[in-house]
PDB file of N, CA and C in Angstrom:
ATOM      1  N   MET A   1      31.854   3.903  38.887  1.00  0.00           N
ATOM      2  CA  MET A   1      31.778   2.535  39.362  1.00  0.00           C
ATOM      3  C   MET A   1      30.504   1.867  38.852  1.00  0.00           C
ATOM      4  N   ILE A   2      30.644   0.651  38.428  1.00  0.00           N
ATOM      5  CA  ILE A   2      29.519  -0.166  37.984  1.00  0.00           C
ATOM      6  C   ILE A   2      29.296  -1.246  39.042  1.00  0.00           C
ATOM      7  N   LYS A   3      28.064  -1.375  39.503  1.00  0.00           N
ATOM      8  CA  LYS A   3      27.734  -2.379  40.508  1.00  0.00           C
ATOM      9  C   LYS A   3      27.061  -3.572  39.827  1.00  0.00           C
ATOM     10  N   LEU A   4      27.541  -4.764  40.148  1.00  0.00           N
ATOM     11  CA  LEU A   4      26.917  -6.010  39.709  1.00  0.00           C
ATOM     12  C   LEU A   4      26.049  -6.489  40.858  1.00  0.00           C
ATOM     13  N   ILE A   5      24.740  -6.567  40.605  1.00  0.00           N
ATOM     14  CA  ILE A   5      23.785  -6.873  41.657  1.00  0.00           C
ATOM     15  C   ILE A   5      23.025  -8.152  41.330  1.00  0.00           C
ATOM     16  N   ASP A   6      22.879  -9.004  42.329  1.00  0.00           N
ATOM     17  CA  ASP A   6      22.046 -10.196  42.236  1.00  0.00           C
ATOM     18  C   ASP A   6      20.637  -9.748  42.604  1.00  0.00           C
ATOM     19  N   THR A   7      19.775  -9.588  41.613  1.00  0.00           N
ATOM     20  CA  THR A   7      18.425  -9.100  41.870  1.00  0.00           C
ATOM     21  C   THR A   7      17.513 -10.186  42.430  1.00  0.00           C
ATOM     22  N   PHE A   8      17.896 -11.435  42.276  1.00  0.00           N
ATOM     23  CA  PHE A   8      17.111 -12.542  42.807  1.00  0.00           C
ATOM     24  C   PHE A   8      17.153 -12.533  44.334  1.00  0.00           C
ATOM     25  N   ASN A   9      18.348 -12.292  44.895  1.00  0.00           N
ATOM     26  CA  ASN A   9      18.544 -12.287  46.346  1.00  0.00           C
ATOM     27  C   ASN A   9      18.778 -10.887  46.907  1.00  0.00           C
ATOM     28  N   HIS A  10      18.696  -9.863  46.061  1.00  0.00           N
ATOM     29  CA  HIS A  10      18.898  -8.464  46.472  1.00  0.00           C
ATOM     30  C   HIS A  10      20.245  -8.273  47.163  1.00  0.00           C
ATOM     31  N   THR A  11      21.332  -8.698  46.462  1.00  0.00           N
ATOM     32  CA  THR A  11      22.670  -8.671  47.029  1.00  0.00           C
ATOM     33  C   THR A  11      23.655  -8.024  46.060  1.00  0.00           C
ATOM     34  N   LEU A  12      24.541  -7.192  46.589  1.00  0.00           N
ATOM     35  CA  LEU A  12      25.630  -6.640  45.803  1.00  0.00           C
ATOM     36  C   LEU A  12      26.694  -7.708  45.650  1.00  0.00           C
ATOM     37  N   ILE A  13      27.054  -8.023  44.405  1.00  0.00           N
ATOM     38  CA  ILE A  13      28.073  -9.050  44.160  1.00  0.00           C
ATOM     39  C   ILE A  13      29.454  -8.408  44.101  1.00  0.00           C
ATOM     40  N   SER A  14      29.587  -7.338  43.288  1.00  0.00           N
ATOM     41  CA  SER A  14      30.888  -6.695  43.141  1.00  0.00           C
ATOM     42  C   SER A  14      30.738  -5.316  42.518  1.00  0.00           C
ATOM     43  N   LYS A  15      31.843  -4.551  42.555  1.00  0.00           N
ATOM     44  CA  LYS A  15      31.913  -3.231  41.928  1.00  0.00           C
ATOM     45  C   LYS A  15      33.090  -3.211  40.966  1.00  0.00           C
ATOM     46  N   HIS A  16      32.914  -2.515  39.837  1.00  0.00           N
ATOM     47  CA  HIS A  16      33.942  -2.482  38.802  1.00  0.00           C
ATOM     48  C   HIS A  16      34.052  -1.082  38.224  1.00  0.00           C
ATOM     49  N   PHE A  17      35.251  -0.751  37.733  1.00  0.00           N
ATOM     50  CA  PHE A  17      35.469   0.552  37.129  1.00  0.00           C
ATOM     51  C   PHE A  17      34.925   0.626  35.706  1.00  0.00           C
ATOM     52  N   THR A  18      34.903  -0.514  35.005  1.00  0.00           N
ATOM     53  CA  THR A  18      34.425  -0.510  33.623  1.00  0.00           C
ATOM     54  C   THR A  18      33.265  -1.486  33.459  1.00  0.00           C
ATOM     55  N   LEU A  19      32.441  -1.198  32.488  1.00  0.00           N
ATOM     56  CA  LEU A  19      31.308  -2.063  32.173  1.00  0.00           C
ATOM     57  C   LEU A  19      31.795  -3.418  31.669  1.00  0.00           C
ATOM     58  N   LYS A  20      32.877  -3.418  30.924  1.00  0.00           N
ATOM     59  CA  LYS A  20      33.428  -4.663  30.398  1.00  0.00           C
ATOM     60  C   LYS A  20      33.834  -5.609  31.528  1.00  0.00           C
ATOM     61  N   ASN A  21      34.484  -5.079  32.551  1.00  0.00           N
ATOM     62  CA  ASN A  21      34.885  -5.916  33.684  1.00  0.00           C
ATOM     63  C   ASN A  21      33.680  -6.400  34.481  1.00  0.00           C
ATOM     64  N   ALA A  22      32.642  -5.598  34.567  1.00  0.00           N
ATOM     65  CA  ALA A  22      31.420  -6.011  35.263  1.00  0.00           C
ATOM     66  C   ALA A  22      30.750  -7.166  34.524  1.00  0.00           C
ATOM     67  N   ILE A  23      30.742  -7.105  33.198  1.00  0.00           N
ATOM     68  CA  ILE A  23      30.146  -8.181  32.403  1.00  0.00           C
ATOM     69  C   ILE A  23      30.977  -9.461  32.534  1.00  0.00           C
ATOM     70  N   LYS A  24      32.303  -9.333  32.553  1.00  0.00           N
ATOM     71  CA  LYS A  24      33.157 -10.501  32.767  1.00  0.00           C
ATOM     72  C   LYS A  24      32.888 -11.129  34.128  1.00  0.00           C
ATOM     73  N   ALA A  25      32.726 -10.292  35.146  1.00  0.00           N
ATOM     74  CA  ALA A  25      32.441 -10.796  36.493  1.00  0.00           C
ATOM     75  C   ALA A  25      31.092 -11.495  36.539  1.00  0.00           C
ATOM     76  N   GLN A  26      30.113 -10.961  35.815  1.00  0.00           N
ATOM     77  CA  GLN A  26      28.793 -11.585  35.762  1.00  0.00           C
ATOM     78  C   GLN A  26      28.896 -12.977  35.152  1.00  0.00           C
ATOM     79  N   ARG A  27      29.628 -13.084  34.078  1.00  0.00           N
ATOM     80  CA  ARG A  27      29.787 -14.390  33.424  1.00  0.00           C
ATOM     81  C   ARG A  27      30.497 -15.386  34.330  1.00  0.00           C
ATOM     82  N   ASN A  28      31.555 -14.924  35.016  1.00  0.00           N
ATOM     83  CA  ASN A  28      32.286 -15.811  35.921  1.00  0.00           C
ATOM     84  C   ASN A  28      31.419 -16.235  37.103  1.00  0.00           C
ATOM     85  N   HIS A  29      30.620 -15.320  37.614  1.00  0.00           N
ATOM     86  CA  HIS A  29      29.743 -15.639  38.734  1.00  0.00           C
ATOM     87  C   HIS A  29      28.701 -16.676  38.317  1.00  0.00           C
ATOM     88  N   LEU A  30      28.087 -16.487  37.158  1.00  0.00           N
ATOM     89  CA  LEU A  30      27.090 -17.445  36.684  1.00  0.00           C
ATOM     90  C   LEU A  30      27.718 -18.813  36.429  1.00  0.00           C
ATOM     91  N   LYS A  31      28.933 -18.822  35.908  1.00  0.00           N
ATOM     92  CA  LYS A  31      29.638 -20.082  35.675  1.00  0.00           C
ATOM     93  C   LYS A  31      29.855 -20.817  37.003  1.00  0.00           C
ATOM     94  N   ALA A  32      30.234 -20.088  38.054  1.00  0.00           N
ATOM     95  CA  ALA A  32      30.449 -20.699  39.367  1.00  0.00           C
ATOM     96  C   ALA A  32      29.139 -21.204  39.966  1.00  0.00           C
ATOM     97  N   ILE A  33      28.056 -20.462  39.776  1.00  0.00           N
ATOM     98  CA  ILE A  33      26.744 -20.888  40.277  1.00  0.00           C
ATOM     99  C   ILE A  33      26.335 -22.195  39.605  1.00  0.00           C
ATOM    100  N   LYS A  34      26.498 -22.261  38.287  1.00  0.00           N
ATOM    101  CA  LYS A  34      26.112 -23.478  37.551  1.00  0.00           C
ATOM    102  C   LYS A  34      26.988 -24.660  37.921  1.00  0.00           C
ATOM    103  N   LYS A  35      28.276 -24.400  38.166  1.00  0.00           N
ATOM    104  CA  LYS A  35      29.176 -25.484  38.555  1.00  0.00           C
ATOM    105  C   LYS A  35      28.785 -26.048  39.917  1.00  0.00           C
ATOM    106  N   ARG A  36      28.420 -25.157  40.828  1.00  0.00           N
ATOM    107  CA  ARG A  36      28.090 -25.606  42.180  1.00  0.00           C
ATOM    108  C   ARG A  36      26.701 -26.223  42.287  1.00  0.00           C
ATOM    109  N   TYR A  37      25.714 -25.635  41.620  1.00  0.00           N
ATOM    110  CA  TYR A  37      24.322 -26.050  41.814  1.00  0.00           C
ATOM    111  C   TYR A  37      23.697 -26.765  40.615  1.00  0.00           C
ATOM    112  N   GLY A  38      24.443 -26.897  39.514  1.00  0.00           N
ATOM    113  CA  GLY A  38      23.934 -27.614  38.347  1.00  0.00           C
ATOM    114  C   GLY A  38      23.604 -26.672  37.205  1.00  0.00           C
ATOM    115  N   ASN A  39      23.602 -27.217  35.988  1.00  0.00           N
ATOM    116  CA  ASN A  39      23.396 -26.413  34.780  1.00  0.00           C
ATOM    117  C   ASN A  39      22.024 -25.774  34.681  1.00  0.00           C
ATOM    118  N   SER A  40      21.050 -26.302  35.376  1.00  0.00           N
ATOM    119  CA  SER A  40      19.715 -25.716  35.300  1.00  0.00           C
ATOM    120  C   SER A  40      19.555 -24.532  36.255  1.00  0.00           C
ATOM    121  N   SER A  41      20.571 -24.252  37.070  1.00  0.00           N
ATOM    122  CA  SER A  41      20.518 -23.122  38.004  1.00  0.00           C
ATOM    123  C   SER A  41      20.619 -21.807  37.252  1.00  0.00           C
ATOM    124  N   TYR A  42      19.982 -20.794  37.804  1.00  0.00           N
ATOM    125  CA  TYR A  42      20.069 -19.464  37.199  1.00  0.00           C
ATOM    126  C   TYR A  42      19.977 -18.412  38.289  1.00  0.00           C
ATOM    127  N   ILE A  43      20.330 -17.201  37.917  1.00  0.00           N
ATOM    128  CA  ILE A  43      20.270 -16.068  38.819  1.00  0.00           C
ATOM    129  C   ILE A  43      20.028 -14.829  37.963  1.00  0.00           C
ATOM    130  N   THR A  44      19.364 -13.843  38.503  1.00  0.00           N
ATOM    131  CA  THR A  44      19.107 -12.626  37.731  1.00  0.00           C
ATOM    132  C   THR A  44      20.061 -11.527  38.198  1.00  0.00           C
ATOM    133  N   TYR A  45      20.527 -10.730  37.248  1.00  0.00           N
ATOM    134  CA  TYR A  45      21.523  -9.707  37.520  1.00  0.00           C
ATOM    135  C   TYR A  45      21.030  -8.339  37.071  1.00  0.00           C
ATOM    136  N   ALA A  46      21.639  -7.318  37.667  1.00  0.00           N
ATOM    137  CA  ALA A  46      21.472  -5.946  37.206  1.00  0.00           C
ATOM    138  C   ALA A  46      22.850  -5.293  37.212  1.00  0.00           C
ATOM    139  N   LEU A  47      23.099  -4.458  36.221  1.00  0.00           N
ATOM    140  CA  LEU A  47      24.321  -3.664  36.159  1.00  0.00           C
ATOM    141  C   LEU A  47      23.906  -2.209  36.330  1.00  0.00           C
ATOM    142  N   GLU A  48      24.290  -1.623  37.457  1.00  0.00           N
ATOM    143  CA  GLU A  48      23.890  -0.255  37.754  1.00  0.00           C
ATOM    144  C   GLU A  48      25.109   0.629  37.937  1.00  0.00           C
ATOM    145  N   ASN A  49      24.959   1.885  37.587  1.00  0.00           N
ATOM    146  CA  ASN A  49      25.990   2.866  37.881  1.00  0.00           C
ATOM    147  C   ASN A  49      25.958   3.174  39.370  1.00  0.00           C
ATOM    148  N   GLU A  50      27.001   3.812  39.849  1.00  0.00           N
ATOM    149  CA  GLU A  50      27.097   4.136  41.278  1.00  0.00           C
ATOM    150  C   GLU A  50      25.921   4.986  41.755  1.00  0.00           C
ATOM    151  N   ASP A  51      25.390   5.826  40.866  1.00  0.00           N
ATOM    152  CA  ASP A  51      24.269   6.694  41.246  1.00  0.00           C
ATOM    153  C   ASP A  51      22.913   5.990  41.172  1.00  0.00           C
ATOM    154  N   GLY A  52      22.901   4.695  40.825  1.00  0.00           N
ATOM    155  CA  GLY A  52      21.667   3.920  40.813  1.00  0.00           C
ATOM    156  C   GLY A  52      20.998   3.801  39.453  1.00  0.00           C
ATOM    157  N   THR A  53      21.515   4.479  38.428  1.00  0.00           N
ATOM    158  CA  THR A  53      20.923   4.390  37.100  1.00  0.00           C
ATOM    159  C   THR A  53      21.436   3.157  36.380  1.00  0.00           C
ATOM    160  N   GLU A  54      20.613   2.623  35.488  1.00  0.00           N
ATOM    161  CA  GLU A  54      21.020   1.445  34.724  1.00  0.00           C
ATOM    162  C   GLU A  54      21.788   1.869  33.479  1.00  0.00           C
ATOM    163  N   ASN A  55      22.564   0.948  32.940  1.00  0.00           N
ATOM    164  CA  ASN A  55      23.380   1.213  31.767  1.00  0.00           C
ATOM    165  C   ASN A  55      22.597   0.995  30.485  1.00  0.00           C
ATOM    166  N   ASP A  56      23.147   1.483  29.392  1.00  0.00           N
ATOM    167  CA  ASP A  56      22.542   1.373  28.067  1.00  0.00           C
ATOM    168  C   ASP A  56      22.622  -0.073  27.581  1.00  0.00           C
ATOM    169  N   TRP A  57      21.469  -0.673  27.264  1.00  0.00           N
ATOM    170  CA  TRP A  57      21.430  -2.079  26.837  1.00  0.00           C
ATOM    171  C   TRP A  57      22.158  -2.314  25.529  1.00  0.00           C
ATOM    172  N   GLU A  58      22.142  -1.351  24.629  1.00  0.00           N
ATOM    173  CA  GLU A  58      22.855  -1.518  23.360  1.00  0.00           C
ATOM    174  C   GLU A  58      24.353  -1.622  23.600  1.00  0.00           C
ATOM    175  N   LEU A  59      24.873  -0.812  24.512  1.00  0.00           N
ATOM    176  CA  LEU A  59      26.294  -0.874  24.844  1.00  0.00           C
ATOM    177  C   LEU A  59      26.639  -2.199  25.511  1.00  0.00           C
ATOM    178  N   ILE A  60      25.777  -2.674  26.390  1.00  0.00           N
ATOM    179  CA  ILE A  60      26.011  -3.961  27.048  1.00  0.00           C
ATOM    180  C   ILE A  60      26.035  -5.090  26.015  1.00  0.00           C
ATOM    181  N   ASP A  61      25.091  -5.089  25.080  1.00  0.00           N
ATOM    182  CA  ASP A  61      25.062  -6.112  24.029  1.00  0.00           C
ATOM    183  C   ASP A  61      26.308  -6.052  23.159  1.00  0.00           C
ATOM    184  N   GLU A  62      26.773  -4.847  22.857  1.00  0.00           N
ATOM    185  CA  GLU A  62      27.978  -4.688  22.043  1.00  0.00           C
ATOM    186  C   GLU A  62      29.197  -5.259  22.760  1.00  0.00           C
ATOM    187  N   ILE A  63      29.324  -4.999  24.041  1.00  0.00           N
ATOM    188  CA  ILE A  63      30.458  -5.532  24.822  1.00  0.00           C
ATOM    189  C   ILE A  63      30.366  -7.040  24.906  1.00  0.00           C
ATOM    190  N   ARG A  64      29.170  -7.580  25.091  1.00  0.00           N
ATOM    191  CA  ARG A  64      29.001  -9.045  25.136  1.00  0.00           C
ATOM    192  C   ARG A  64      29.412  -9.696  23.824  1.00  0.00           C
ATOM    193  N   MET A  65      29.062  -9.078  22.706  1.00  0.00           N
ATOM    194  CA  MET A  65      29.459  -9.619  21.400  1.00  0.00           C
ATOM    195  C   MET A  65      30.973  -9.563  21.230  1.00  0.00           C
ATOM    196  N   GLN A  66      31.613  -8.500  21.710  1.00  0.00           N
ATOM    197  CA  GLN A  66      33.067  -8.408  21.643  1.00  0.00           C
ATOM    198  C   GLN A  66      33.711  -9.507  22.471  1.00  0.00           C
ATOM    199  N   LEU A  67      33.205  -9.758  23.657  1.00  0.00           N
ATOM    200  CA  LEU A  67      33.756 -10.805  24.506  1.00  0.00           C
ATOM    201  C   LEU A  67      33.522 -12.187  23.912  1.00  0.00           C
ATOM    202  N   ASP A  68      32.397 -12.398  23.251  1.00  0.00           N
ATOM    203  CA  ASP A  68      32.122 -13.686  22.617  1.00  0.00           C
ATOM    204  C   ASP A  68      33.067 -13.966  21.448  1.00  0.00           C
ATOM    205  N   SER A  69      33.497 -12.919  20.778  1.00  0.00           N
ATOM    206  CA  SER A  69      34.350 -13.104  19.605  1.00  0.00           C
ATOM    207  C   SER A  69      35.820 -13.283  19.974  1.00  0.00           C
ATOM    208  N   GLN A  70      36.171 -13.088  21.226  1.00  0.00           N
ATOM    209  CA  GLN A  70      37.586 -13.229  21.642  1.00  0.00           C
ATOM    210  C   GLN A  70      37.958 -14.656  21.856  1.00  0.00           C
TER     211      GLN A  70
END
């Protein structure tokens, strides 16, 4: 399980089975935040494994590039 965490407010947003789905959820959450509070709004996120360890940044960047190209 991958946990999507709002590190700004120290809140668990959601849990996902794959890193790709967690990144999609992060993008959708940020889009909703900007829609509600304005384009200058931001929030900080963390993607953690169930055991509390963080994921590989190179893998996260690779998945983000794949999603951008779709």
